[in-house]
Amino acid sequence: MDDDALLAEQMAYYRAGAAEYDRPYAEYKDLQKLLAVVDDLPIAGDVLELACGTGQWTPRLAARAQSVTAVDAAAEVLALARARTVSPSVQFLEADLFEWQPPRRYDTVFFAFWLSHVPPSRLPGFWSTVAAALAPGGKAIFIDDGPAAAEEEEVLANQPAPAALRRLDDGSQYRIVKVFHDARTLTDDLTALGWSVHIRPMGGNFIGIAEPSTTSG
């Protein structure tokens, strides 16, 4: 089955729900703790933030970076991110991450709660894009939900990719891609793709740091 329709529905969800996007960050202490973790991560130099959403992470990245290029496909969330972020070192870019290719290289590529929205069939291509975006010695840093988060989602069966159903305040509902990565399996998958990776759990989430292997293409 083709996952294009599922990804289109996922995009529609984030565009329609932009005004509700920040609610979990205000309601869940675990998310607030994760935001603070940025200060302890090896974020430096020129940073590329993928799927920046409404910019919850962007100002924290900017505080540690020389520059930040923040990319998202949804204009509605980008508008909120621009309003939240006043740093002159931050540039926002609207682009589909499944189509966009980085025009330059960065010291750090960061993405929070995006990897779980990438269909498994597109995982190799996505990580190829990340590798192409990294300067020599650069690192990919990622944060996402672990398997325990599945208990809080309405998981759907018989979809073209692992998926969940999300509802907005107006009653509309959308399918999204939602892959609940297990740290060990994800480590094995990334190692097979030519990455050196360390993933550590933090509550029901995980934090990963990955570097392209020196022996990979």
C-alpha atoms as a PDB file:
ATOM      1  CA  MET A   1       0.000   0.000   0.000  1.00  0.00           C
ATOM      2  CA  ASP A   2       1.157   3.526  -0.791  1.00  0.00           C
ATOM      3  CA  ASP A   3       1.800   5.856   2.125  1.00  0.00           C
ATOM      4  CA  ASP A   4       1.333   9.108   0.154  1.00  0.00           C
ATOM      5  CA  ALA A   5      -2.292   9.526   1.251  1.00  0.00           C
ATOM      6  CA  LEU A   6      -1.350   8.867   4.875  1.00  0.00           C
ATOM      7  CA  LEU A   7       1.417  11.477   4.734  1.00  0.00           C
ATOM      8  CA  ALA A   8      -0.956  13.979   3.114  1.00  0.00           C
ATOM      9  CA  GLU A   9      -3.405  13.432   5.958  1.00  0.00           C
ATOM     10  CA  GLN A  10      -0.608  13.875   8.472  1.00  0.00           C
ATOM     11  CA  MET A  11       0.281  17.198   6.879  1.00  0.00           C
ATOM     12  CA  ALA A  12      -3.370  18.292   6.948  1.00  0.00           C
ATOM     13  CA  TYR A  13      -3.506  17.476  10.659  1.00  0.00           C
ATOM     14  CA  TYR A  14      -0.557  19.672  11.543  1.00  0.00           C
ATOM     15  CA  ARG A  15      -1.777  22.523   9.380  1.00  0.00           C
ATOM     16  CA  ALA A  16      -5.308  22.425  10.780  1.00  0.00           C
ATOM     17  CA  GLY A  17      -4.115  21.930  14.354  1.00  0.00           C
ATOM     18  CA  ALA A  18      -1.371  24.548  14.483  1.00  0.00           C
ATOM     19  CA  ALA A  19      -3.185  26.510  17.199  1.00  0.00           C
ATOM     20  CA  GLU A  20      -3.378  23.361  19.375  1.00  0.00           C
ATOM     21  CA  TYR A  21       0.218  22.250  18.753  1.00  0.00           C
ATOM     22  CA  ASP A  22       1.738  23.788  21.885  1.00  0.00           C
ATOM     23  CA  ARG A  23      -0.791  22.388  24.349  1.00  0.00           C
ATOM     24  CA  PRO A  24       1.202  19.275  25.336  1.00  0.00           C
ATOM     25  CA  TYR A  25       4.246  21.412  26.123  1.00  0.00           C
ATOM     26  CA  ALA A  26       2.184  23.340  28.659  1.00  0.00           C
ATOM     27  CA  GLU A  27       0.459  20.284  30.133  1.00  0.00           C
ATOM     28  CA  TYR A  28       3.174  17.630  30.435  1.00  0.00           C
ATOM     29  CA  LYS A  29       6.115  18.032  32.805  1.00  0.00           C
ATOM     30  CA  ASP A  30       8.082  15.377  30.943  1.00  0.00           C
ATOM     31  CA  LEU A  31       8.075  17.575  27.844  1.00  0.00           C
ATOM     32  CA  GLN A  32       9.219  20.572  29.871  1.00  0.00           C
ATOM     33  CA  LYS A  33      12.105  18.478  31.213  1.00  0.00           C
ATOM     34  CA  LEU A  34      13.013  17.411  27.692  1.00  0.00           C
ATOM     35  CA  LEU A  35      13.185  21.027  26.553  1.00  0.00           C
ATOM     36  CA  ALA A  36      15.723  21.726  29.298  1.00  0.00           C
ATOM     37  CA  VAL A  37      17.872  18.792  28.132  1.00  0.00           C
ATOM     38  CA  VAL A  38      18.946  20.819  25.082  1.00  0.00           C
ATOM     39  CA  ASP A  39      21.450  22.632  27.305  1.00  0.00           C
ATOM     40  CA  ASP A  40      23.263  19.342  27.946  1.00  0.00           C
ATOM     41  CA  LEU A  41      23.416  18.140  24.341  1.00  0.00           C
ATOM     42  CA  PRO A  42      26.382  18.657  21.954  1.00  0.00           C
ATOM     43  CA  ILE A  43      24.636  21.337  19.893  1.00  0.00           C
ATOM     44  CA  ALA A  44      27.102  23.720  18.284  1.00  0.00           C
ATOM     45  CA  GLY A  45      27.994  25.651  15.164  1.00  0.00           C
ATOM     46  CA  ASP A  46      25.500  25.922  12.326  1.00  0.00           C
ATOM     47  CA  VAL A  47      22.377  23.939  13.196  1.00  0.00           C
ATOM     48  CA  LEU A  48      19.702  22.513  10.906  1.00  0.00           C
ATOM     49  CA  GLU A  49      16.412  21.856  12.703  1.00  0.00           C
ATOM     50  CA  LEU A  50      14.074  19.529  10.821  1.00  0.00           C
ATOM     51  CA  ALA A  51      10.306  19.639  11.445  1.00  0.00           C
ATOM     52  CA  CYS A  52      10.631  22.632  13.756  1.00  0.00           C
ATOM     53  CA  GLY A  53       6.866  22.913  14.331  1.00  0.00           C
ATOM     54  CA  THR A  54       5.893  26.026  16.268  1.00  0.00           C
ATOM     55  CA  GLY A  55       9.465  26.605  17.401  1.00  0.00           C
ATOM     56  CA  GLN A  56       9.383  25.139  20.886  1.00  0.00           C
ATOM     57  CA  TRP A  57      12.982  23.983  20.479  1.00  0.00           C
ATOM     58  CA  THR A  58      14.267  26.664  18.106  1.00  0.00           C
ATOM     59  CA  PRO A  59      15.160  29.442  20.597  1.00  0.00           C
ATOM     60  CA  ARG A  60      16.970  26.916  22.795  1.00  0.00           C
ATOM     61  CA  LEU A  61      18.980  25.725  19.805  1.00  0.00           C
ATOM     62  CA  ALA A  62      19.725  29.325  18.818  1.00  0.00           C
ATOM     63  CA  ALA A  63      21.122  30.021  22.287  1.00  0.00           C
ATOM     64  CA  ARG A  64      23.804  27.377  21.692  1.00  0.00           C
ATOM     65  CA  ALA A  65      24.353  27.733  17.952  1.00  0.00           C
ATOM     66  CA  GLN A  66      26.073  30.090  15.597  1.00  0.00           C
ATOM     67  CA  SER A  67      23.038  29.910  13.330  1.00  0.00           C
ATOM     68  CA  VAL A  68      19.839  27.880  13.008  1.00  0.00           C
ATOM     69  CA  THR A  69      17.999  26.948   9.830  1.00  0.00           C
ATOM     70  CA  ALA A  70      14.571  25.680  10.898  1.00  0.00           C
ATOM     71  CA  VAL A  71      12.540  23.737   8.332  1.00  0.00           C
ATOM     72  CA  ASP A  72       8.903  22.649   8.372  1.00  0.00           C
ATOM     73  CA  ALA A  73       6.350  21.828   5.697  1.00  0.00           C
ATOM     74  CA  ALA A  74       3.366  23.543   7.371  1.00  0.00           C
ATOM     75  CA  ALA A  75       3.100  27.296   6.885  1.00  0.00           C
ATOM     76  CA  GLU A  76       0.697  27.582   9.805  1.00  0.00           C
ATOM     77  CA  VAL A  77       3.145  26.261  12.390  1.00  0.00           C
ATOM     78  CA  LEU A  78       6.017  28.204  10.842  1.00  0.00           C
ATOM     79  CA  ALA A  79       4.088  31.437  11.387  1.00  0.00           C
ATOM     80  CA  LEU A  80       3.880  30.616  15.098  1.00  0.00           C
ATOM     81  CA  ALA A  81       7.553  29.676  15.192  1.00  0.00           C
ATOM     82  CA  ARG A  82       8.551  32.988  13.645  1.00  0.00           C
ATOM     83  CA  ALA A  83       6.485  34.861  16.223  1.00  0.00           C
ATOM     84  CA  ARG A  84       8.129  32.911  19.059  1.00  0.00           C
ATOM     85  CA  THR A  85      11.712  33.279  17.857  1.00  0.00           C
ATOM     86  CA  VAL A  86      13.339  36.712  17.835  1.00  0.00           C
ATOM     87  CA  SER A  87      16.956  35.669  17.279  1.00  0.00           C
ATOM     88  CA  PRO A  88      18.502  37.212  14.130  1.00  0.00           C
ATOM     89  CA  SER A  89      20.590  34.044  13.725  1.00  0.00           C
ATOM     90  CA  VAL A  90      17.504  31.936  12.918  1.00  0.00           C
ATOM     91  CA  GLN A  91      16.181  31.437   9.384  1.00  0.00           C
ATOM     92  CA  PHE A  92      12.892  29.634   8.737  1.00  0.00           C
ATOM     93  CA  LEU A  93      12.220  27.633   5.601  1.00  0.00           C
ATOM     94  CA  GLU A  94       9.010  25.999   4.363  1.00  0.00           C
ATOM     95  CA  ALA A  95       9.740  22.678   2.673  1.00  0.00           C
ATOM     96  CA  ASP A  96       8.533  19.081   2.472  1.00  0.00           C
ATOM     97  CA  LEU A  97      11.181  17.039   4.269  1.00  0.00           C
ATOM     98  CA  PHE A  98      10.491  14.039   2.037  1.00  0.00           C
ATOM     99  CA  GLU A  99      11.363  16.104  -1.046  1.00  0.00           C
ATOM    100  CA  TRP A 100      13.793  18.768   0.200  1.00  0.00           C
ATOM    101  CA  GLN A 101      17.545  18.347  -0.018  1.00  0.00           C
ATOM    102  CA  PRO A 102      19.924  20.493   2.049  1.00  0.00           C
ATOM    103  CA  PRO A 103      21.782  23.022  -0.106  1.00  0.00           C
ATOM    104  CA  ARG A 104      24.722  23.155   2.333  1.00  0.00           C
ATOM    105  CA  ARG A 105      26.189  21.308   5.326  1.00  0.00           C
ATOM    106  CA  TYR A 106      25.695  21.886   9.027  1.00  0.00           C
ATOM    107  CA  ASP A 107      27.531  21.019  12.221  1.00  0.00           C
ATOM    108  CA  THR A 108      24.377  19.732  13.919  1.00  0.00           C
ATOM    109  CA  VAL A 109      21.114  18.333  12.566  1.00  0.00           C
ATOM    110  CA  PHE A 110      18.384  18.309  15.214  1.00  0.00           C
ATOM    111  CA  PHE A 111      14.839  16.950  15.139  1.00  0.00           C
ATOM    112  CA  ALA A 112      12.377  16.414  17.971  1.00  0.00           C
ATOM    113  CA  PHE A 113       9.300  14.186  17.633  1.00  0.00           C
ATOM    114  CA  TRP A 114       9.773  13.857  13.893  1.00  0.00           C
ATOM    115  CA  LEU A 115      11.409  10.468  13.449  1.00  0.00           C
ATOM    116  CA  SER A 116       8.238   8.725  14.636  1.00  0.00           C
ATOM    117  CA  HIS A 117       6.371  10.390  11.743  1.00  0.00           C
ATOM    118  CA  VAL A 118       8.659   8.929   9.078  1.00  0.00           C
ATOM    119  CA  PRO A 119       7.259   5.741   7.483  1.00  0.00           C
ATOM    120  CA  PRO A 120       9.661   2.795   7.802  1.00  0.00           C
ATOM    121  CA  SER A 121       9.936   2.538   4.010  1.00  0.00           C
ATOM    122  CA  ARG A 122      11.272   6.100   3.916  1.00  0.00           C
ATOM    123  CA  LEU A 123      13.684   5.765   6.815  1.00  0.00           C
ATOM    124  CA  PRO A 124      16.784   5.036   4.672  1.00  0.00           C
ATOM    125  CA  GLY A 125      16.068   8.003   2.411  1.00  0.00           C
ATOM    126  CA  PHE A 126      15.500  10.295   5.365  1.00  0.00           C
ATOM    127  CA  TRP A 127      18.782   9.325   6.994  1.00  0.00           C
ATOM    128  CA  SER A 128      20.559   9.811   3.666  1.00  0.00           C
ATOM    129  CA  THR A 129      19.246  13.375   3.682  1.00  0.00           C
ATOM    130  CA  VAL A 130      20.511  13.852   7.231  1.00  0.00           C
ATOM    131  CA  ALA A 131      23.950  12.511   6.259  1.00  0.00           C
ATOM    132  CA  ALA A 132      24.069  14.840   3.260  1.00  0.00           C
ATOM    133  CA  ALA A 133      23.316  17.774   5.576  1.00  0.00           C
ATOM    134  CA  LEU A 134      26.148  17.056   8.031  1.00  0.00           C
ATOM    135  CA  ALA A 135      29.567  18.623   7.802  1.00  0.00           C
ATOM    136  CA  PRO A 136      32.553  16.368   8.593  1.00  0.00           C
ATOM    137  CA  GLY A 137      32.481  15.607  12.310  1.00  0.00           C
ATOM    138  CA  GLY A 138      28.865  16.730  12.589  1.00  0.00           C
ATOM    139  CA  LYS A 139      26.202  15.054  14.696  1.00  0.00           C
ATOM    140  CA  ALA A 140      22.513  14.259  14.325  1.00  0.00           C
ATOM    141  CA  ILE A 141      20.586  14.727  17.572  1.00  0.00           C
ATOM    142  CA  PHE A 142      17.031  13.478  17.885  1.00  0.00           C
ATOM    143  CA  ILE A 143      14.325  13.192  20.542  1.00  0.00           C
ATOM    144  CA  ASP A 144      11.130  11.176  20.274  1.00  0.00           C
ATOM    145  CA  ASP A 145       8.531   8.947  21.908  1.00  0.00           C
ATOM    146  CA  GLY A 146       9.414   5.461  23.041  1.00  0.00           C
ATOM    147  CA  PRO A 147       7.145   2.392  22.902  1.00  0.00           C
ATOM    148  CA  ALA A 148       5.300   3.366  26.105  1.00  0.00           C
ATOM    149  CA  ALA A 149       3.724   6.307  24.285  1.00  0.00           C
ATOM    150  CA  ALA A 150       1.588   3.870  22.285  1.00  0.00           C
ATOM    151  CA  GLU A 151      -0.683   3.578  25.321  1.00  0.00           C
ATOM    152  CA  GLU A 152      -1.667   7.232  24.888  1.00  0.00           C
ATOM    153  CA  GLU A 153      -2.467   6.938  21.183  1.00  0.00           C
ATOM    154  CA  GLU A 154      -5.345   5.460  19.240  1.00  0.00           C
ATOM    155  CA  VAL A 155      -3.252   3.073  17.181  1.00  0.00           C
ATOM    156  CA  LEU A 156      -4.686   2.024  13.822  1.00  0.00           C
ATOM    157  CA  ALA A 157      -4.354  -1.349  12.123  1.00  0.00           C
ATOM    158  CA  ASN A 158      -4.122  -2.206   8.424  1.00  0.00           C
ATOM    159  CA  GLN A 159      -2.496   1.059   7.357  1.00  0.00           C
ATOM    160  CA  PRO A 160       0.279   1.583   4.767  1.00  0.00           C
ATOM    161  CA  ALA A 161       2.600   2.466   7.670  1.00  0.00           C
ATOM    162  CA  PRO A 162       2.325   2.365  11.467  1.00  0.00           C
ATOM    163  CA  ALA A 163      -0.361   4.941  12.210  1.00  0.00           C
ATOM    164  CA  ALA A 164      -2.510   6.550  14.873  1.00  0.00           C
ATOM    165  CA  LEU A 165      -5.719   8.577  14.834  1.00  0.00           C
ATOM    166  CA  ARG A 166      -5.618  12.142  16.140  1.00  0.00           C
ATOM    167  CA  ARG A 167      -8.595  14.432  16.828  1.00  0.00           C
ATOM    168  CA  LEU A 168      -8.749  18.228  16.939  1.00  0.00           C
ATOM    169  CA  ASP A 169     -10.982  20.442  19.064  1.00  0.00           C
ATOM    170  CA  ASP A 170     -13.448  20.911  16.202  1.00  0.00           C
ATOM    171  CA  GLY A 171     -14.074  17.154  16.077  1.00  0.00           C
ATOM    172  CA  SER A 172     -12.145  16.550  12.874  1.00  0.00           C
ATOM    173  CA  GLN A 173      -9.920  13.489  12.835  1.00  0.00           C
ATOM    174  CA  TYR A 174      -6.790  12.594  10.913  1.00  0.00           C
ATOM    175  CA  ARG A 175      -4.500   9.655  10.464  1.00  0.00           C
ATOM    176  CA  ILE A 176      -0.830  10.276  11.147  1.00  0.00           C
ATOM    177  CA  VAL A 177       2.249   8.116  10.818  1.00  0.00           C
ATOM    178  CA  LYS A 178       3.375   7.069  14.300  1.00  0.00           C
ATOM    179  CA  VAL A 179       6.258   4.649  14.728  1.00  0.00           C
ATOM    180  CA  PHE A 180       7.077   3.856  18.358  1.00  0.00           C
ATOM    181  CA  HIS A 181      10.762   3.117  18.047  1.00  0.00           C
ATOM    182  CA  ASP A 182      12.419   0.739  20.468  1.00  0.00           C
ATOM    183  CA  ALA A 183      15.919   2.004  21.293  1.00  0.00           C
ATOM    184  CA  ARG A 184      17.667  -1.295  20.578  1.00  0.00           C
ATOM    185  CA  THR A 185      15.906  -1.892  17.267  1.00  0.00           C
ATOM    186  CA  LEU A 186      16.448   1.701  16.151  1.00  0.00           C
ATOM    187  CA  THR A 187      20.128   1.425  17.062  1.00  0.00           C
ATOM    188  CA  ASP A 188      20.417  -1.724  14.954  1.00  0.00           C
ATOM    189  CA  ASP A 189      18.567  -0.114  12.046  1.00  0.00           C
ATOM    190  CA  LEU A 190      20.786   2.972  12.055  1.00  0.00           C
ATOM    191  CA  THR A 191      23.942   0.915  12.426  1.00  0.00           C
ATOM    192  CA  ALA A 192      22.877  -1.042   9.336  1.00  0.00           C
ATOM    193  CA  LEU A 193      22.473   2.275   7.502  1.00  0.00           C
ATOM    194  CA  GLY A 194      26.040   3.247   8.337  1.00  0.00           C
ATOM    195  CA  TRP A 195      25.636   5.303  11.498  1.00  0.00           C
ATOM    196  CA  SER A 196      27.351   5.219  14.858  1.00  0.00           C
ATOM    197  CA  VAL A 197      24.548   5.874  17.332  1.00  0.00           C
ATOM    198  CA  HIS A 198      23.870   6.104  21.034  1.00  0.00           C
ATOM    199  CA  ILE A 199      20.277   6.233  22.282  1.00  0.00           C
ATOM    200  CA  ARG A 200      19.345   6.722  25.916  1.00  0.00           C
ATOM    201  CA  PRO A 201      15.870   6.631  27.455  1.00  0.00           C
ATOM    202  CA  MET A 202      14.460   9.571  29.370  1.00  0.00           C
ATOM    203  CA  GLY A 203      11.127   8.735  30.927  1.00  0.00           C
ATOM    204  CA  GLY A 204       8.856   7.549  28.145  1.00  0.00           C
ATOM    205  CA  ASN A 205      11.031   9.265  25.541  1.00  0.00           C
ATOM    206  CA  PHE A 206      14.504   8.761  24.146  1.00  0.00           C
ATOM    207  CA  ILE A 207      17.406  10.965  23.111  1.00  0.00           C
ATOM    208  CA  GLY A 208      19.708   9.874  20.310  1.00  0.00           C
ATOM    209  CA  ILE A 209      23.045  11.120  19.036  1.00  0.00           C
ATOM    210  CA  ALA A 210      24.292   9.731  15.746  1.00  0.00           C
ATOM    211  CA  GLU A 211      27.277  10.241  13.485  1.00  0.00           C
ATOM    212  CA  PRO A 212      27.854   8.829  10.015  1.00  0.00           C
ATOM    213  CA  SER A 213      30.337   5.971  10.136  1.00  0.00           C
ATOM    214  CA  THR A 214      33.746   6.851   8.723  1.00  0.00           C
ATOM    215  CA  THR A 215      33.491   3.725   6.586  1.00  0.00           C
ATOM    216  CA  SER A 216      30.076   4.570   5.126  1.00  0.00           C
ATOM    217  CA  GLY A 217      29.636   6.094   1.700  1.00  0.00           C
END
